[in-house]
Amino acid sequence: MARDFRYKTAQALAADAARHGHILSLSEHYEVLFQHLMIGGACCGNRLAVQPMEGCDGTHDGRPPVLR
């Protein structure tokens, strides 16, 4: 598993992002994630999504891993 995805707290994630020159805006208010959202005329039940590379097994530039 990639080291980059072993954060124990949101603050640890934000601190690591800051070390790499990125700013993360974090909130403890999650209500908006569970609201419906219209996308191109389709209604989504919430605002959560799972990206295809959620297993952290892709390359650093976002490509899928080479399977042998």
PDB file of N, CA and C in Angstrom:
ATOM      1  N   MET A   1       0.844  -1.183   0.000  1.00  0.00           N
ATOM      2  CA  MET A   1       0.000   0.000   0.000  1.00  0.00           C
ATOM      3  C   MET A   1       0.885   1.240   0.000  1.00  0.00           C
ATOM      4  N   ALA A   2       0.406   2.258  -0.644  1.00  0.00           N
ATOM      5  CA  ALA A   2       1.161   3.501  -0.730  1.00  0.00           C
ATOM      6  C   ALA A   2       1.249   4.174   0.634  1.00  0.00           C
ATOM      7  N   ARG A   3       2.385   4.712   0.967  1.00  0.00           N
ATOM      8  CA  ARG A   3       2.580   5.426   2.221  1.00  0.00           C
ATOM      9  C   ARG A   3       1.702   6.668   2.276  1.00  0.00           C
ATOM     10  N   ASP A   4       1.450   7.283   1.150  1.00  0.00           N
ATOM     11  CA  ASP A   4       0.726   8.549   1.102  1.00  0.00           C
ATOM     12  C   ASP A   4      -0.708   8.457   1.594  1.00  0.00           C
ATOM     13  N   PHE A   5      -1.258   7.268   1.792  1.00  0.00           N
ATOM     14  CA  PHE A   5      -2.653   7.141   2.179  1.00  0.00           C
ATOM     15  C   PHE A   5      -2.813   6.501   3.553  1.00  0.00           C
ATOM     16  N   ARG A   6      -1.858   6.700   4.427  1.00  0.00           N
ATOM     17  CA  ARG A   6      -1.919   6.127   5.770  1.00  0.00           C
ATOM     18  C   ARG A   6      -2.021   7.209   6.830  1.00  0.00           C
ATOM     19  N   TYR A   7      -2.880   8.163   6.626  1.00  0.00           N
ATOM     20  CA  TYR A   7      -3.044   9.255   7.578  1.00  0.00           C
ATOM     21  C   TYR A   7      -4.022   8.850   8.669  1.00  0.00           C
ATOM     22  N   LYS A   8      -3.693   9.165   9.907  1.00  0.00           N
ATOM     23  CA  LYS A   8      -4.559   8.814  11.029  1.00  0.00           C
ATOM     24  C   LYS A   8      -5.582   9.910  11.323  1.00  0.00           C
ATOM     25  N   THR A   9      -5.294  11.138  10.900  1.00  0.00           N
ATOM     26  CA  THR A   9      -6.213  12.259  11.133  1.00  0.00           C
ATOM     27  C   THR A   9      -6.247  13.160   9.904  1.00  0.00           C
ATOM     28  N   ALA A  10      -7.300  13.961   9.820  1.00  0.00           N
ATOM     29  CA  ALA A  10      -7.398  14.942   8.738  1.00  0.00           C
ATOM     30  C   ALA A  10      -6.280  15.975   8.859  1.00  0.00           C
ATOM     31  N   GLN A  11      -5.910  16.302  10.079  1.00  0.00           N
ATOM     32  CA  GLN A  11      -4.831  17.274  10.300  1.00  0.00           C
ATOM     33  C   GLN A  11      -3.494  16.734   9.779  1.00  0.00           C
ATOM     34  N   ALA A  12      -3.265  15.432   9.925  1.00  0.00           N
ATOM     35  CA  ALA A  12      -2.031  14.839   9.407  1.00  0.00           C
ATOM     36  C   ALA A  12      -1.997  14.916   7.879  1.00  0.00           C
ATOM     37  N   LEU A  13      -3.135  14.694   7.241  1.00  0.00           N
ATOM     38  CA  LEU A  13      -3.221  14.818   5.786  1.00  0.00           C
ATOM     39  C   LEU A  13      -2.943  16.252   5.353  1.00  0.00           C
ATOM     40  N   ALA A  14      -3.561  17.222   6.033  1.00  0.00           N
ATOM     41  CA  ALA A  14      -3.363  18.627   5.685  1.00  0.00           C
ATOM     42  C   ALA A  14      -1.910  19.051   5.901  1.00  0.00           C
ATOM     43  N   ALA A  15      -1.287  18.574   6.975  1.00  0.00           N
ATOM     44  CA  ALA A  15       0.108  18.924   7.248  1.00  0.00           C
ATOM     45  C   ALA A  15       1.035  18.363   6.172  1.00  0.00           C
ATOM     46  N   ASP A  16       0.784  17.140   5.735  1.00  0.00           N
ATOM     47  CA  ASP A  16       1.613  16.550   4.688  1.00  0.00           C
ATOM     48  C   ASP A  16       1.410  17.283   3.365  1.00  0.00           C
ATOM     49  N   ALA A  17       0.164  17.647   3.063  1.00  0.00           N
ATOM     50  CA  ALA A  17      -0.095  18.423   1.844  1.00  0.00           C
ATOM     51  C   ALA A  17       0.657  19.748   1.897  1.00  0.00           C
ATOM     52  N   ALA A  18       0.660  20.400   3.054  1.00  0.00           N
ATOM     53  CA  ALA A  18       1.365  21.677   3.206  1.00  0.00           C
ATOM     54  C   ALA A  18       2.863  21.504   2.982  1.00  0.00           C
ATOM     55  N   ARG A  19       3.429  20.393   3.448  1.00  0.00           N
ATOM     56  CA  ARG A  19       4.863  20.124   3.221  1.00  0.00           C
ATOM     57  C   ARG A  19       5.180  20.009   1.730  1.00  0.00           C
ATOM     58  N   HIS A  20       4.176  19.637   0.944  1.00  0.00           N
ATOM     59  CA  HIS A  20       4.361  19.504  -0.506  1.00  0.00           C
ATOM     60  C   HIS A  20       3.894  20.748  -1.260  1.00  0.00           C
ATOM     61  N   GLY A  21       3.555  21.813  -0.518  1.00  0.00           N
ATOM     62  CA  GLY A  21       3.177  23.067  -1.143  1.00  0.00           C
ATOM     63  C   GLY A  21       1.711  23.181  -1.529  1.00  0.00           C
ATOM     64  N   HIS A  22       0.855  22.319  -0.968  1.00  0.00           N
ATOM     65  CA  HIS A  22      -0.574  22.346  -1.271  1.00  0.00           C
ATOM     66  C   HIS A  22      -1.361  22.789  -0.038  1.00  0.00           C
ATOM     67  N   ILE A  23      -2.465  23.460  -0.276  1.00  0.00           N
ATOM     68  CA  ILE A  23      -3.329  23.895   0.815  1.00  0.00           C
ATOM     69  C   ILE A  23      -4.644  23.134   0.719  1.00  0.00           C
ATOM     70  N   LEU A  24      -5.020  22.450   1.788  1.00  0.00           N
ATOM     71  CA  LEU A  24      -6.300  21.743   1.853  1.00  0.00           C
ATOM     72  C   LEU A  24      -7.232  22.492   2.801  1.00  0.00           C
ATOM     73  N   SER A  25      -8.429  22.759   2.341  1.00  0.00           N
ATOM     74  CA  SER A  25      -9.447  23.342   3.204  1.00  0.00           C
ATOM     75  C   SER A  25     -10.295  22.198   3.732  1.00  0.00           C
ATOM     76  N   LEU A  26     -10.243  21.973   5.029  1.00  0.00           N
ATOM     77  CA  LEU A  26     -10.968  20.869   5.642  1.00  0.00           C
ATOM     78  C   LEU A  26     -12.091  21.404   6.521  1.00  0.00           C
ATOM     79  N   SER A  27     -13.129  20.608   6.664  1.00  0.00           N
ATOM     80  CA  SER A  27     -14.272  20.993   7.486  1.00  0.00           C
ATOM     81  C   SER A  27     -14.760  19.791   8.268  1.00  0.00           C
ATOM     82  N   GLU A  28     -15.331  20.041   9.420  1.00  0.00           N
ATOM     83  CA  GLU A  28     -15.940  18.975  10.203  1.00  0.00           C
ATOM     84  C   GLU A  28     -17.430  18.859   9.917  1.00  0.00           C
ATOM     85  N   HIS A  29     -17.930  19.651   8.993  1.00  0.00           N
ATOM     86  CA  HIS A  29     -19.352  19.651   8.648  1.00  0.00           C
ATOM     87  C   HIS A  29     -19.548  18.854   7.358  1.00  0.00           C
ATOM     88  N   TYR A  30     -20.130  17.670   7.485  1.00  0.00           N
ATOM     89  CA  TYR A  30     -20.266  16.755   6.363  1.00  0.00           C
ATOM     90  C   TYR A  30     -21.669  16.723   5.765  1.00  0.00           C
ATOM     91  N   GLU A  31     -22.575  17.534   6.278  1.00  0.00           N
ATOM     92  CA  GLU A  31     -23.965  17.465   5.833  1.00  0.00           C
ATOM     93  C   GLU A  31     -24.117  17.622   4.327  1.00  0.00           C
ATOM     94  N   VAL A  32     -23.342  18.496   3.736  1.00  0.00           N
ATOM     95  CA  VAL A  32     -23.458  18.764   2.305  1.00  0.00           C
ATOM     96  C   VAL A  32     -23.166  17.508   1.471  1.00  0.00           C
ATOM     97  N   LEU A  33     -22.341  16.600   1.979  1.00  0.00           N
ATOM     98  CA  LEU A  33     -22.011  15.390   1.227  1.00  0.00           C
ATOM     99  C   LEU A  33     -23.218  14.493   0.995  1.00  0.00           C
ATOM    100  N   PHE A  34     -24.221  14.619   1.841  1.00  0.00           N
ATOM    101  CA  PHE A  34     -25.388  13.740   1.761  1.00  0.00           C
ATOM    102  C   PHE A  34     -26.580  14.396   1.080  1.00  0.00           C
ATOM    103  N   GLN A  35     -26.383  15.579   0.515  1.00  0.00           N
ATOM    104  CA  GLN A  35     -27.439  16.262  -0.225  1.00  0.00           C
ATOM    105  C   GLN A  35     -27.465  15.757  -1.663  1.00  0.00           C
ATOM    106  N   HIS A  36     -28.648  15.762  -2.243  1.00  0.00           N
ATOM    107  CA  HIS A  36     -28.785  15.370  -3.651  1.00  0.00           C
ATOM    108  C   HIS A  36     -28.085  16.386  -4.532  1.00  0.00           C
ATOM    109  N   LEU A  37     -27.679  15.938  -5.720  1.00  0.00           N
ATOM    110  CA  LEU A  37     -26.966  16.797  -6.659  1.00  0.00           C
ATOM    111  C   LEU A  37     -27.416  16.448  -8.069  1.00  0.00           C
ATOM    112  N   MET A  38     -27.770  17.454  -8.853  1.00  0.00           N
ATOM    113  CA  MET A  38     -28.163  17.245 -10.248  1.00  0.00           C
ATOM    114  C   MET A  38     -26.934  17.379 -11.135  1.00  0.00           C
ATOM    115  N   ILE A  39     -26.704  16.370 -11.976  1.00  0.00           N
ATOM    116  CA  ILE A  39     -25.584  16.393 -12.922  1.00  0.00           C
ATOM    117  C   ILE A  39     -26.145  16.049 -14.294  1.00  0.00           C
ATOM    118  N   GLY A  40     -26.158  17.019 -15.180  1.00  0.00           N
ATOM    119  CA  GLY A  40     -26.643  16.796 -16.534  1.00  0.00           C
ATOM    120  C   GLY A  40     -28.048  16.210 -16.604  1.00  0.00           C
ATOM    121  N   GLY A  41     -28.931  16.650 -15.741  1.00  0.00           N
ATOM    122  CA  GLY A  41     -30.300  16.170 -15.739  1.00  0.00           C
ATOM    123  C   GLY A  41     -30.523  14.899 -14.934  1.00  0.00           C
ATOM    124  N   ALA A  42     -29.477  14.306 -14.416  1.00  0.00           N
ATOM    125  CA  ALA A  42     -29.595  13.116 -13.573  1.00  0.00           C
ATOM    126  C   ALA A  42     -29.424  13.522 -12.116  1.00  0.00           C
ATOM    127  N   CYS A  43     -30.218  12.910 -11.244  1.00  0.00           N
ATOM    128  CA  CYS A  43     -30.140  13.223  -9.822  1.00  0.00           C
ATOM    129  C   CYS A  43     -29.286  12.166  -9.116  1.00  0.00           C
ATOM    130  N   CYS A  44     -28.218  12.628  -8.477  1.00  0.00           N
ATOM    131  CA  CYS A  44     -27.366  11.745  -7.681  1.00  0.00           C
ATOM    132  C   CYS A  44     -27.838  11.809  -6.233  1.00  0.00           C
ATOM    133  N   GLY A  45     -27.876  10.675  -5.556  1.00  0.00           N
ATOM    134  CA  GLY A  45     -28.392  10.603  -4.193  1.00  0.00           C
ATOM    135  C   GLY A  45     -27.527  11.288  -3.159  1.00  0.00           C
ATOM    136  N   ASN A  46     -26.249  11.458  -3.447  1.00  0.00           N
ATOM    137  CA  ASN A  46     -25.350  12.167  -2.539  1.00  0.00           C
ATOM    138  C   ASN A  46     -24.167  12.689  -3.351  1.00  0.00           C
ATOM    139  N   ARG A  47     -23.211  13.282  -2.686  1.00  0.00           N
ATOM    140  CA  ARG A  47     -22.087  13.895  -3.383  1.00  0.00           C
ATOM    141  C   ARG A  47     -20.785  13.114  -3.194  1.00  0.00           C
ATOM    142  N   LEU A  48     -20.912  11.863  -2.846  1.00  0.00           N
ATOM    143  CA  LEU A  48     -19.734  11.025  -2.649  1.00  0.00           C
ATOM    144  C   LEU A  48     -19.437  10.245  -3.923  1.00  0.00           C
ATOM    145  N   ALA A  49     -18.166  10.057  -4.220  1.00  0.00           N
ATOM    146  CA  ALA A  49     -17.779   9.310  -5.413  1.00  0.00           C
ATOM    147  C   ALA A  49     -16.550   8.476  -5.106  1.00  0.00           C
ATOM    148  N   VAL A  50     -16.435   7.368  -5.785  1.00  0.00           N
ATOM    149  CA  VAL A  50     -15.240   6.529  -5.666  1.00  0.00           C
ATOM    150  C   VAL A  50     -14.558   6.572  -7.024  1.00  0.00           C
ATOM    151  N   GLN A  51     -13.345   7.059  -7.023  1.00  0.00           N
ATOM    152  CA  GLN A  51     -12.598   7.171  -8.263  1.00  0.00           C
ATOM    153  C   GLN A  51     -12.053   5.798  -8.670  1.00  0.00           C
ATOM    154  N   PRO A  52     -11.815   5.578  -9.958  1.00  0.00           N
ATOM    155  CA  PRO A  52     -11.349   4.271 -10.428  1.00  0.00           C
ATOM    156  C   PRO A  52     -10.062   3.791  -9.761  1.00  0.00           C
ATOM    157  N   MET A  53      -9.201   4.675  -9.340  1.00  0.00           N
ATOM    158  CA  MET A  53      -7.926   4.268  -8.758  1.00  0.00           C
ATOM    159  C   MET A  53      -7.954   4.335  -7.237  1.00  0.00           C
ATOM    160  N   GLU A  54      -9.100   4.052  -6.622  1.00  0.00           N
ATOM    161  CA  GLU A  54      -9.216   4.164  -5.172  1.00  0.00           C
ATOM    162  C   GLU A  54      -8.305   3.212  -4.421  1.00  0.00           C
ATOM    163  N   GLY A  55      -7.801   2.182  -5.071  1.00  0.00           N
ATOM    164  CA  GLY A  55      -6.920   1.225  -4.413  1.00  0.00           C
ATOM    165  C   GLY A  55      -5.483   1.699  -4.288  1.00  0.00           C
ATOM    166  N   CYS A  56      -5.197   2.894  -4.751  1.00  0.00           N
ATOM    167  CA  CYS A  56      -3.846   3.479  -4.673  1.00  0.00           C
ATOM    168  C   CYS A  56      -2.824   2.620  -5.406  1.00  0.00           C
ATOM    169  N   ASP A  57      -3.269   1.924  -6.443  1.00  0.00           N
ATOM    170  CA  ASP A  57      -2.335   1.049  -7.143  1.00  0.00           C
ATOM    171  C   ASP A  57      -1.955   1.571  -8.522  1.00  0.00           C
ATOM    172  N   GLY A  58      -2.304   2.815  -8.838  1.00  0.00           N
ATOM    173  CA  GLY A  58      -1.933   3.396 -10.113  1.00  0.00           C
ATOM    174  C   GLY A  58      -0.551   4.019 -10.055  1.00  0.00           C
ATOM    175  N   THR A  59      -0.094   4.493 -11.199  1.00  0.00           N
ATOM    176  CA  THR A  59       1.194   5.172 -11.251  1.00  0.00           C
ATOM    177  C   THR A  59       1.026   6.592 -10.732  1.00  0.00           C
ATOM    178  N   HIS A  60       2.127   7.281 -10.477  1.00  0.00           N
ATOM    179  CA  HIS A  60       2.055   8.630  -9.934  1.00  0.00           C
ATOM    180  C   HIS A  60       1.392   9.610 -10.888  1.00  0.00           C
ATOM    181  N   ASP A  61       1.389   9.318 -12.200  1.00  0.00           N
ATOM    182  CA  ASP A  61       0.725  10.224 -13.143  1.00  0.00           C
ATOM    183  C   ASP A  61      -0.719   9.793 -13.425  1.00  0.00           C
ATOM    184  N   GLY A  62      -1.260   8.862 -12.641  1.00  0.00           N
ATOM    185  CA  GLY A  62      -2.670   8.508 -12.737  1.00  0.00           C
ATOM    186  C   GLY A  62      -3.008   7.351 -13.652  1.00  0.00           C
ATOM    187  N   ARG A  63      -2.017   6.729 -14.235  1.00  0.00           N
ATOM    188  CA  ARG A  63      -2.275   5.602 -15.138  1.00  0.00           C
ATOM    189  C   ARG A  63      -2.522   4.312 -14.349  1.00  0.00           C
ATOM    190  N   PRO A  64      -3.274   3.382 -14.934  1.00  0.00           N
ATOM    191  CA  PRO A  64      -3.480   2.107 -14.247  1.00  0.00           C
ATOM    192  C   PRO A  64      -2.179   1.317 -14.171  1.00  0.00           C
ATOM    193  N   PRO A  65      -2.072   0.408 -13.215  1.00  0.00           N
ATOM    194  CA  PRO A  65      -0.842  -0.384 -13.095  1.00  0.00           C
ATOM    195  C   PRO A  65      -0.695  -1.348 -14.270  1.00  0.00           C
ATOM    196  N   VAL A  66       0.517  -1.717 -14.550  1.00  0.00           N
ATOM    197  CA  VAL A  66       0.795  -2.699 -15.598  1.00  0.00           C
ATOM    198  C   VAL A  66       0.553  -4.067 -14.995  1.00  0.00           C
ATOM    199  N   LEU A  67      -0.345  -4.835 -15.603  1.00  0.00           N
ATOM    200  CA  LEU A  67      -0.634  -6.178 -15.123  1.00  0.00           C
ATOM    201  C   LEU A  67       0.188  -7.181 -15.922  1.00  0.00           C
ATOM    202  N   ARG A  68       0.769  -8.121 -15.267  1.00  0.00           N
ATOM    203  CA  ARG A  68       1.602  -9.125 -15.952  1.00  0.00           C
ATOM    204  C   ARG A  68       1.029 -10.489 -15.759  1.00  0.00           C
TER     205      ARG A  68
END
